[in-house]
């Protein structure tokens, strides 16, 4: 019975790990991911109640494992939303500052990205590994008290919460990039006025250097604002992991 419980817990932990940066990236070796899943499942097995009995049918076992994997995926979405917000903010910052996306490797997707996106990604990783991973593990253990390994029914209320939190990605991402957006508007306005005063001046070319200089200066000054938003989201992620549980006990 304990082996079956370890298997179910491991499947839920695998869903969480596969959705949670930085473990969901291609940078982390698959063997390390498997070791993390097996270790977490082994510890949690002694902390939760095992199922009453092993299902007699192989089909039921597969369905229960699929359910546990889905629960892990949904819990991992709570942490992934934080990194998606940082990624959207980095995209806005890159466009507003005027930096062309360079051939920088993006560890979150495994493809070419931009330097600001990679910087904010690693900034989010530091926030997560600076203490938030402990509360995330506590929320993972707590999920077995709210959603046991057997006897659950669907809870449709989580869909509305998931949609609302997904929409919040664009709102918080815009708030993070708001100072640079405002400065970029003022710079463009100043050069638009300058183009009317000095028609022969090529303000389109000159505005690029001014946008980059002003944008990077404001970005350096507003990094505390971005960190404040990111830290608030990271601290709220463990609670959101439990609120997003797609099932509730009988």
Protein backbone atom coordinates (compact mmCIF):
# COMPACT_ATOMS: atom_id res chain seq x y z
CA UNK A 1 0.00 0.00 0.00
CA UNK A 2 2.86 2.37 0.81
CA UNK A 3 4.43 1.69 -2.59
CA UNK A 4 1.17 2.54 -4.34
CA UNK A 5 0.86 5.73 -2.27
CA UNK A 6 4.47 6.61 -3.17
CA UNK A 7 3.66 6.16 -6.85
CA UNK A 8 0.60 8.44 -6.68
CA UNK A 9 2.47 11.09 -4.67
CA UNK A 10 5.35 10.88 -7.12
CA UNK A 11 3.04 11.46 -10.07
CA UNK A 12 1.57 14.55 -8.38
CA UNK A 13 5.07 15.78 -7.57
CA UNK A 14 6.12 15.14 -11.20
CA UNK A 15 3.29 17.35 -12.44
CA UNK A 16 4.39 20.10 -10.06
CA UNK A 17 8.06 19.84 -11.05
CA UNK A 18 7.32 19.78 -14.79
CA UNK A 19 5.37 23.04 -14.50
CA UNK A 20 7.58 24.88 -12.01
CA UNK A 21 10.56 26.93 -13.20
CA UNK A 22 13.49 26.45 -13.08
CA UNK A 23 12.89 22.67 -12.97
CA UNK A 24 10.61 22.83 -16.00
CA UNK A 25 13.40 24.21 -18.21
CA UNK A 26 15.72 22.21 -20.43
CA UNK A 27 18.72 23.41 -18.46
CA UNK A 28 17.94 21.04 -15.57
CA UNK A 29 18.92 17.45 -16.49
CA UNK A 30 16.06 14.90 -16.57
CA UNK A 31 17.91 12.69 -14.10
CA UNK A 32 17.98 15.53 -11.57
CA UNK A 33 14.24 16.12 -12.08
CA UNK A 34 13.52 12.42 -11.52
CA UNK A 35 15.68 12.40 -8.38
CA UNK A 36 13.86 15.46 -7.01
CA UNK A 37 10.47 13.88 -7.69
CA UNK A 38 11.47 10.56 -6.08
CA UNK A 39 12.95 12.29 -3.03
CA UNK A 40 9.93 14.52 -2.44
CA UNK A 41 7.56 11.58 -2.88
CA UNK A 42 9.55 9.45 -0.43
CA UNK A 43 9.40 12.12 2.28
CA UNK A 44 5.73 12.99 1.73
CA UNK A 45 4.73 9.29 1.82
CA UNK A 46 5.40 9.25 5.57
CA UNK A 47 3.38 12.45 6.13
CA UNK A 48 0.07 11.61 4.43
CA UNK A 49 -2.49 8.86 4.79
CA UNK A 50 -2.27 6.15 2.12
CA UNK A 51 -5.36 5.17 0.10
CA UNK A 52 -7.69 2.64 1.66
CA UNK A 53 -7.04 -0.02 -0.99
CA UNK A 54 -5.29 -0.60 -4.27
CA UNK A 55 -7.71 -0.50 -7.23
CA UNK A 56 -8.23 -3.97 -8.70
CA UNK A 57 -8.28 -2.67 -12.27
CA UNK A 58 -5.27 -1.35 -14.17
CA UNK A 59 -7.51 1.18 -15.91
CA UNK A 60 -8.51 2.68 -12.56
CA UNK A 61 -4.85 2.94 -11.57
CA UNK A 62 -4.05 4.80 -14.80
CA UNK A 63 -6.99 7.17 -14.27
CA UNK A 64 -5.91 7.91 -10.70
CA UNK A 65 -2.37 8.63 -11.87
CA UNK A 66 -3.71 10.92 -14.59
CA UNK A 67 -5.76 12.74 -11.96
CA UNK A 68 -2.72 13.18 -9.72
CA UNK A 69 -0.67 14.43 -12.66
CA UNK A 70 -3.38 16.99 -13.47
CA UNK A 71 -3.42 18.18 -9.85
CA UNK A 72 0.35 18.66 -9.96
CA UNK A 73 0.09 20.58 -13.24
CA UNK A 74 -2.53 22.95 -11.83
CA UNK A 75 -0.52 23.57 -8.66
CA UNK A 76 2.55 24.32 -10.75
CA UNK A 77 0.56 26.89 -12.71
CA UNK A 78 0.49 29.10 -9.60
CA UNK A 79 4.28 29.47 -9.70
CA UNK A 80 4.49 29.56 -13.48
CA UNK A 81 2.14 32.57 -13.52
CA UNK A 82 4.82 34.57 -11.68
CA UNK A 83 7.43 33.79 -14.34
CA UNK A 84 4.92 34.46 -17.13
CA UNK A 85 4.32 37.91 -15.65
CA UNK A 86 8.05 38.62 -15.55
CA UNK A 87 8.39 37.40 -19.13
CA UNK A 88 5.59 39.69 -20.32
CA UNK A 89 7.10 42.63 -18.44
CA UNK A 90 10.48 41.89 -20.05
CA UNK A 91 8.84 41.90 -23.49
CA UNK A 92 7.27 45.30 -22.83
CA UNK A 93 10.55 46.68 -21.50
CA UNK A 94 12.47 45.46 -24.54
CA UNK A 95 10.00 47.02 -26.97
CA UNK A 96 9.73 50.32 -25.10
CA UNK A 97 13.46 50.76 -24.56
CA UNK A 98 14.11 49.98 -28.21
CA UNK A 99 16.40 47.00 -27.76
CA UNK A 100 16.17 44.50 -30.57
CA UNK A 101 15.85 40.92 -29.28
CA UNK A 102 19.35 39.50 -29.43
CA UNK A 103 20.44 35.87 -29.75
CA UNK A 104 20.29 35.37 -26.00
CA UNK A 105 19.32 31.87 -24.82
CA UNK A 106 16.01 31.81 -22.96
CA UNK A 107 16.11 28.97 -20.39
CA UNK A 108 12.34 29.07 -19.83
CA UNK A 109 11.55 28.02 -23.41
CA UNK A 110 14.84 26.71 -24.75
CA UNK A 111 14.88 29.14 -27.67
CA UNK A 112 16.46 32.51 -28.41
CA UNK A 113 15.20 35.31 -26.21
CA UNK A 114 16.35 38.76 -25.13
CA UNK A 115 18.80 39.83 -22.40
CA UNK A 116 16.15 41.53 -20.26
CA UNK A 117 13.95 38.44 -20.40
CA UNK A 118 16.79 36.19 -19.26
CA UNK A 119 17.73 38.64 -16.50
CA UNK A 120 14.20 38.78 -15.12
CA UNK A 121 13.88 35.00 -15.40
CA UNK A 122 16.97 34.43 -13.25
CA UNK A 123 15.73 37.16 -10.92
CA UNK A 124 12.53 35.16 -10.47
CA UNK A 125 14.56 32.00 -9.87
CA UNK A 126 16.50 33.76 -7.11
CA UNK A 127 13.25 34.88 -5.51
CA UNK A 128 11.87 31.35 -5.68
CA UNK A 129 14.99 29.73 -4.22
CA UNK A 130 15.38 32.35 -1.48
CA UNK A 131 12.63 30.78 0.64
CA UNK A 132 9.52 30.49 -1.50
CA UNK A 133 10.36 26.88 -2.39
CA UNK A 134 9.91 25.90 1.26
CA UNK A 135 6.39 27.32 1.39
CA UNK A 136 5.67 25.71 -1.99
CA UNK A 137 6.68 22.32 -0.57
CA UNK A 138 4.51 22.96 2.48
CA UNK A 139 1.57 23.77 0.19
CA UNK A 140 2.27 20.55 -1.72
CA UNK A 141 2.07 18.51 1.49
CA UNK A 142 -1.05 20.44 2.55
CA UNK A 143 -2.73 19.56 -0.75
CA UNK A 144 -3.03 15.92 0.35
CA UNK A 145 -5.13 17.01 3.33
CA UNK A 146 -7.44 19.01 1.07
CA UNK A 147 -7.41 16.53 -1.81
CA UNK A 148 -6.65 12.97 -0.60
CA UNK A 149 -5.28 10.27 -2.84
CA UNK A 150 -8.82 8.90 -3.33
CA UNK A 151 -12.44 10.01 -3.12
CA UNK A 152 -12.56 13.39 -4.89
CA UNK A 153 -15.05 15.21 -7.08
CA UNK A 154 -14.58 18.02 -9.59
CA UNK A 155 -14.59 21.64 -8.46
CA UNK A 156 -15.40 24.08 -11.26
CA UNK A 157 -14.72 27.22 -9.20
CA UNK A 158 -11.00 26.95 -9.88
CA UNK A 159 -11.55 27.72 -13.58
CA UNK A 160 -12.79 31.24 -12.81
CA UNK A 161 -9.83 31.82 -10.48
CA UNK A 162 -7.38 30.50 -13.08
CA UNK A 163 -8.81 32.80 -15.75
CA UNK A 164 -8.65 35.80 -13.38
CA UNK A 165 -5.03 35.08 -12.41
CA UNK A 166 -4.06 34.56 -16.04
CA UNK A 167 -5.59 37.93 -16.94
CA UNK A 168 -3.59 39.44 -14.09
CA UNK A 169 -0.39 38.55 -15.97
CA UNK A 170 -1.02 41.41 -18.41
CA UNK A 171 -2.08 43.83 -15.69
CA UNK A 172 0.93 43.26 -13.42
CA UNK A 173 3.31 43.06 -16.37
CA UNK A 174 2.13 46.47 -17.54
CA UNK A 175 2.49 47.88 -14.02
CA UNK A 176 6.09 46.62 -13.87
CA UNK A 177 6.91 48.31 -17.16
CA UNK A 178 4.81 51.45 -16.50
CA UNK A 179 7.76 53.79 -15.65
CA UNK A 180 9.58 52.87 -18.87
CA UNK A 181 6.37 53.20 -20.90
CA UNK A 182 5.84 56.72 -19.50
CA UNK A 183 9.44 57.79 -20.14
CA UNK A 184 9.31 56.39 -23.67
CA UNK A 185 6.19 58.44 -24.34
CA UNK A 186 7.88 61.61 -23.09
CA UNK A 187 10.98 60.96 -25.17
CA UNK A 188 8.93 60.38 -28.31
CA UNK A 189 6.89 63.51 -27.57
CA UNK A 190 10.05 65.59 -27.12
CA UNK A 191 11.53 64.39 -30.40
CA UNK A 192 8.21 64.95 -32.17
CA UNK A 193 8.28 68.58 -31.05
CA UNK A 194 11.96 68.81 -32.01
CA UNK A 195 11.19 67.52 -35.50
CA UNK A 196 8.78 70.42 -36.03
CA UNK A 197 11.31 72.93 -34.75
CA UNK A 198 14.27 71.54 -36.73
CA UNK A 199 12.77 69.81 -39.79
CA UNK A 200 16.14 68.85 -41.28
CA UNK A 201 17.21 66.92 -38.20
CA UNK A 202 16.87 63.14 -38.47
CA UNK A 203 15.04 62.70 -35.17
CA UNK A 204 14.08 59.11 -36.00
CA UNK A 205 17.71 57.94 -35.81
CA UNK A 206 18.60 60.19 -32.88
CA UNK A 207 15.64 59.02 -30.84
CA UNK A 208 16.97 55.44 -30.66
CA UNK A 209 19.99 56.33 -28.54
CA UNK A 210 17.90 58.63 -26.34
CA UNK A 211 15.26 55.94 -25.79
CA UNK A 212 17.87 53.35 -24.86
CA UNK A 213 19.73 55.71 -22.51
CA UNK A 214 16.57 56.96 -20.79
CA UNK A 215 14.99 53.49 -20.73
CA UNK A 216 17.98 51.75 -19.15
CA UNK A 217 18.35 54.54 -16.59
CA UNK A 218 14.70 54.27 -15.55
CA UNK A 219 14.93 50.48 -15.58
CA UNK A 220 17.84 50.66 -13.12
CA UNK A 221 15.85 53.01 -10.90
CA UNK A 222 12.63 50.95 -11.09
CA UNK A 223 14.14 47.51 -10.46
CA UNK A 224 12.95 47.82 -6.87
CA UNK A 225 9.37 48.28 -8.10
CA UNK A 226 9.65 45.18 -10.28
CA UNK A 227 11.13 43.22 -7.38
CA UNK A 228 8.33 44.34 -5.08
CA UNK A 229 5.64 43.12 -7.47
CA UNK A 230 7.51 39.87 -8.14
CA UNK A 231 8.10 39.19 -4.43
CA UNK A 232 4.43 39.81 -3.65
CA UNK A 233 3.36 37.37 -6.35
CA UNK A 234 5.91 34.80 -5.22
CA UNK A 235 4.74 35.03 -1.60
CA UNK A 236 1.13 34.57 -2.69
CA UNK A 237 1.93 31.62 -4.98
CA UNK A 238 1.72 28.85 -2.28
CA UNK A 239 -1.77 29.99 -1.27
CA UNK A 240 -2.78 30.12 -4.92
CA UNK A 241 -1.49 26.56 -5.35
CA UNK A 242 -4.10 25.36 -2.86
CA UNK A 243 -6.87 27.58 -4.20
CA UNK A 244 -6.32 26.22 -7.71
CA UNK A 245 -6.86 22.62 -6.68
CA UNK A 246 -9.30 21.27 -9.28
CA UNK A 247 -10.82 18.75 -6.89
CA UNK A 248 -12.25 18.81 -3.41
CA UNK A 249 -12.88 15.88 -1.00
CA UNK A 250 -16.31 14.36 -0.44
